[in-house]
Protein backbone atom coordinates (compact mmCIF):
# COMPACT_ATOMS: atom_id res chain seq x y z
CA UNK A 1 -14.07 -9.86 20.51
CA UNK A 2 -11.51 -12.02 18.79
CA UNK A 3 -8.40 -10.31 17.39
CA UNK A 4 -7.89 -10.73 13.85
CA UNK A 5 -4.59 -12.35 12.84
CA UNK A 6 -5.16 -11.42 9.31
CA UNK A 7 -6.24 -8.07 7.58
CA UNK A 8 -6.78 -6.86 4.42
CA UNK A 9 -5.85 -3.23 4.23
CA UNK A 10 -7.64 -1.02 1.40
CA UNK A 11 -6.27 2.56 0.37
CA UNK A 12 -7.82 4.83 -1.69
CA UNK A 13 -7.55 7.96 -0.03
CA UNK A 14 -6.33 10.31 -2.53
CA UNK A 15 -3.17 11.19 -2.21
CA UNK A 16 -2.55 9.92 1.52
CA UNK A 17 -1.33 6.01 0.79
CA UNK A 18 2.08 7.16 2.17
CA UNK A 19 1.42 9.38 5.25
CA UNK A 20 -1.57 6.53 6.59
CA UNK A 21 0.68 3.35 7.01
CA UNK A 22 3.17 5.23 8.50
CA UNK A 23 0.61 6.36 11.05
CA UNK A 24 -0.17 2.86 11.66
CA UNK A 25 3.37 1.26 11.69
CA UNK A 26 2.70 -0.64 14.85
CA UNK A 27 -0.20 -2.42 12.89
CA UNK A 28 2.06 -2.82 9.80
CA UNK A 29 5.11 -3.94 12.12
CA UNK A 30 3.07 -6.03 13.96
CA UNK A 31 2.71 -8.92 10.85
CA UNK A 32 -1.10 -9.32 11.26
CA UNK A 33 -1.94 -7.26 7.66
CA UNK A 34 -1.09 -9.62 4.98
CA UNK A 35 -2.33 -7.48 2.00
CA UNK A 36 -2.75 -3.93 1.13
CA UNK A 37 -4.72 -2.81 -1.85
CA UNK A 38 -4.17 0.85 -2.74
CA UNK A 39 -4.84 3.61 -5.57
CA UNK A 40 -1.18 4.65 -6.60
CA UNK A 41 -0.36 7.54 -9.45
CA UNK A 42 1.23 6.95 -12.45
CA UNK A 43 3.60 8.39 -14.74
CA UNK A 44 4.58 10.87 -12.27
CA UNK A 45 1.00 12.21 -12.34
CA UNK A 46 0.54 13.81 -9.10
CA UNK A 47 -2.22 16.43 -9.20
CA UNK A 48 -1.27 18.49 -5.91
CA UNK A 49 1.93 18.73 -4.39
CA UNK A 50 2.50 16.76 -1.50
CA UNK A 51 0.70 13.41 -2.88
CA UNK A 52 2.14 10.09 -2.23
CA UNK A 53 4.79 9.32 -4.94
CA UNK A 54 4.68 5.69 -6.14
CA UNK A 55 8.42 5.02 -5.60
CA UNK A 56 8.53 6.25 -1.97
CA UNK A 57 5.51 4.09 -1.33
CA UNK A 58 7.04 0.99 -2.96
CA UNK A 59 9.75 1.37 -0.84
CA UNK A 60 8.34 2.17 2.28
CA UNK A 61 6.19 -1.02 1.89
CA UNK A 62 9.21 -3.38 0.74
CA UNK A 63 10.85 -2.14 3.40
CA UNK A 64 8.13 -3.19 6.12
CA UNK A 65 8.12 -6.56 4.48
CA UNK A 66 5.54 -6.50 1.49
CA UNK A 67 5.95 -7.63 -2.21
CA UNK A 68 4.31 -6.47 -4.90
CA UNK A 69 1.78 -8.94 -6.58
CA UNK A 70 -0.39 -7.01 -8.92
CA UNK A 71 -1.34 -4.20 -10.85
CA UNK A 72 -4.80 -3.80 -12.40
CA UNK A 73 -7.39 -1.19 -13.08
CA UNK A 74 -5.15 0.89 -15.15
CA UNK A 75 -5.76 4.05 -16.50
CA UNK A 76 -3.81 7.22 -17.66
CA UNK A 77 -3.25 8.69 -14.47
CA UNK A 78 -3.56 6.16 -11.80
CA UNK A 79 -3.82 2.56 -11.21
CA UNK A 80 -4.52 -0.10 -8.11
CA UNK A 81 -1.95 -2.45 -6.74
CA UNK A 82 -2.13 -4.94 -4.55
CA UNK A 83 1.01 -5.88 -2.07
CA UNK A 84 1.45 -9.16 0.05
CA UNK A 85 2.98 -9.81 2.78
CA UNK A 86 6.24 -11.75 2.31
CA UNK A 87 5.10 -14.57 4.47
CA UNK A 88 2.07 -15.01 2.11
CA UNK A 89 4.49 -16.05 -0.44
CA UNK A 90 5.20 -19.35 0.60
C-alpha cells in the first residue's frame, strides 16, 4: 500500500475538534496533512462545558503550520472552517 503524502482531514466531531488533532500530533507535524475542514462554534456558543473554543483551536492549528483559508456554512451557533498548511499557500 502506498503512503499518502497529502491528506485532507475532516472533523465534525461535536466539540472534540481540539482533542483530536492533539492526539494525532505526530500526523500533523509530519506535514502530510495539507487541509483541515472542521466545524467550530460561533459567538461563544458552547452547549457543553469542555467543548473546543474556536480561539484555542485556531491558536493550536496556527502553531502547527496551518492558516485559516475560509469560513462557510454559517449558522447562528456554528460554522465550517478550512485550514490550509502554510506550504500550500505558495
